[in-house]
């Protein structure tokens, strides 16, 4: 399941094209539950891309710099050591 919440977002439909209207102070929160697939790969010369897909085919891709990817890996290792989730 994919959930998208976009604050202060308005679209204009004109001549078959969508255009964002209003100020550029928009914020979004995207959540994905029941992930069916995860892929990690290089993205360009300096980033790591993590792609998540659910069983309905919805996809989220996140591009991280190496230090951010290391922080995710460290966080997972720490959680594996300290939490019962991985048991």
Protein backbone atom coordinates (compact mmCIF):
# COMPACT_ATOMS: atom_id res chain seq x y z
CA UNK A 1 0.00 0.00 0.00
CA UNK A 2 1.27 3.46 -0.93
CA UNK A 3 0.11 6.55 0.95
CA UNK A 4 0.89 10.08 -0.30
CA UNK A 5 0.03 13.20 1.68
CA UNK A 6 0.84 16.50 -0.03
CA UNK A 7 0.24 19.70 1.94
CA UNK A 8 -0.79 22.87 0.14
CA UNK A 9 -0.84 21.23 -3.27
CA UNK A 10 -3.01 22.34 -6.15
CA UNK A 11 -2.91 21.31 -9.81
CA UNK A 12 -4.22 23.18 -12.80
CA UNK A 13 -5.35 21.22 -15.85
CA UNK A 14 -5.07 23.27 -19.02
CA UNK A 15 -5.02 21.98 -22.59
CA UNK A 16 -4.44 18.42 -21.33
CA UNK A 17 -1.37 19.30 -19.24
CA UNK A 18 -1.01 19.43 -15.46
CA UNK A 19 0.67 22.44 -13.90
CA UNK A 20 1.43 23.03 -10.23
CA UNK A 21 -0.09 26.30 -9.08
CA UNK A 22 0.35 28.35 -5.95
CA UNK A 23 3.41 29.05 -3.82
CA UNK A 24 6.42 26.74 -3.74
CA UNK A 25 6.04 25.84 -0.05
CA UNK A 26 4.67 22.34 -0.61
CA UNK A 27 5.60 19.40 1.59
CA UNK A 28 4.94 15.72 1.05
CA UNK A 29 5.00 12.54 3.10
CA UNK A 30 5.10 9.19 1.32
CA UNK A 31 4.69 5.88 3.13
CA UNK A 32 4.82 2.36 1.75
CA UNK A 33 3.63 -0.69 3.62
CA UNK A 34 3.83 -4.39 2.69
CA UNK A 35 6.99 -3.99 0.62
CA UNK A 36 7.38 -6.90 -1.77
CA UNK A 37 10.82 -6.13 -3.23
CA UNK A 38 13.94 -4.14 -2.38
CA UNK A 39 16.84 -3.36 -4.69
CA UNK A 40 20.10 -1.55 -3.90
CA UNK A 41 22.32 -0.29 -6.72
CA UNK A 42 24.74 2.44 -7.76
CA UNK A 43 23.17 5.66 -8.99
CA UNK A 44 25.43 7.88 -11.03
CA UNK A 45 29.00 8.38 -9.85
CA UNK A 46 28.34 9.35 -6.24
CA UNK A 47 25.11 7.89 -4.96
CA UNK A 48 23.39 4.70 -3.88
CA UNK A 49 19.80 4.08 -4.95
CA UNK A 50 17.43 1.99 -2.85
CA UNK A 51 14.22 1.01 -4.67
CA UNK A 52 11.15 -0.39 -2.90
CA UNK A 53 8.17 -2.00 -4.63
CA UNK A 54 4.88 -3.32 -3.30
CA UNK A 55 2.79 -6.16 -4.68
CA UNK A 56 0.60 -3.68 -6.59
CA UNK A 57 3.61 -2.37 -8.55
CA UNK A 58 3.91 0.96 -6.71
CA UNK A 59 7.55 2.02 -6.47
CA UNK A 60 9.61 4.39 -4.32
CA UNK A 61 13.24 5.17 -5.11
CA UNK A 62 15.61 6.93 -2.71
CA UNK A 63 19.03 8.22 -3.80
CA UNK A 64 21.55 8.55 -0.97
CA UNK A 65 25.09 9.81 -0.73
CA UNK A 66 27.52 7.15 0.59
CA UNK A 67 27.58 8.57 4.13
CA UNK A 68 23.77 8.49 4.25
CA UNK A 69 23.72 4.90 2.96
CA UNK A 70 26.29 3.94 5.62
CA UNK A 71 24.08 5.53 8.29
CA UNK A 72 21.13 3.40 7.12
CA UNK A 73 23.31 0.25 7.16
CA UNK A 74 24.63 1.10 10.65
CA UNK A 75 21.13 1.76 11.91
CA UNK A 76 19.95 -1.62 10.62
CA UNK A 77 22.92 -3.40 12.21
CA UNK A 78 22.24 -1.70 15.55
CA UNK A 79 18.55 -2.56 15.36
CA UNK A 80 19.41 -6.17 14.56
CA UNK A 81 21.62 -6.36 17.65
CA UNK A 82 19.29 -4.59 20.06
CA UNK A 83 15.78 -5.44 18.89
CA UNK A 84 13.76 -8.62 18.84
CA UNK A 85 12.35 -7.72 15.41
CA UNK A 86 15.00 -9.81 13.62
CA UNK A 87 14.59 -12.89 15.84
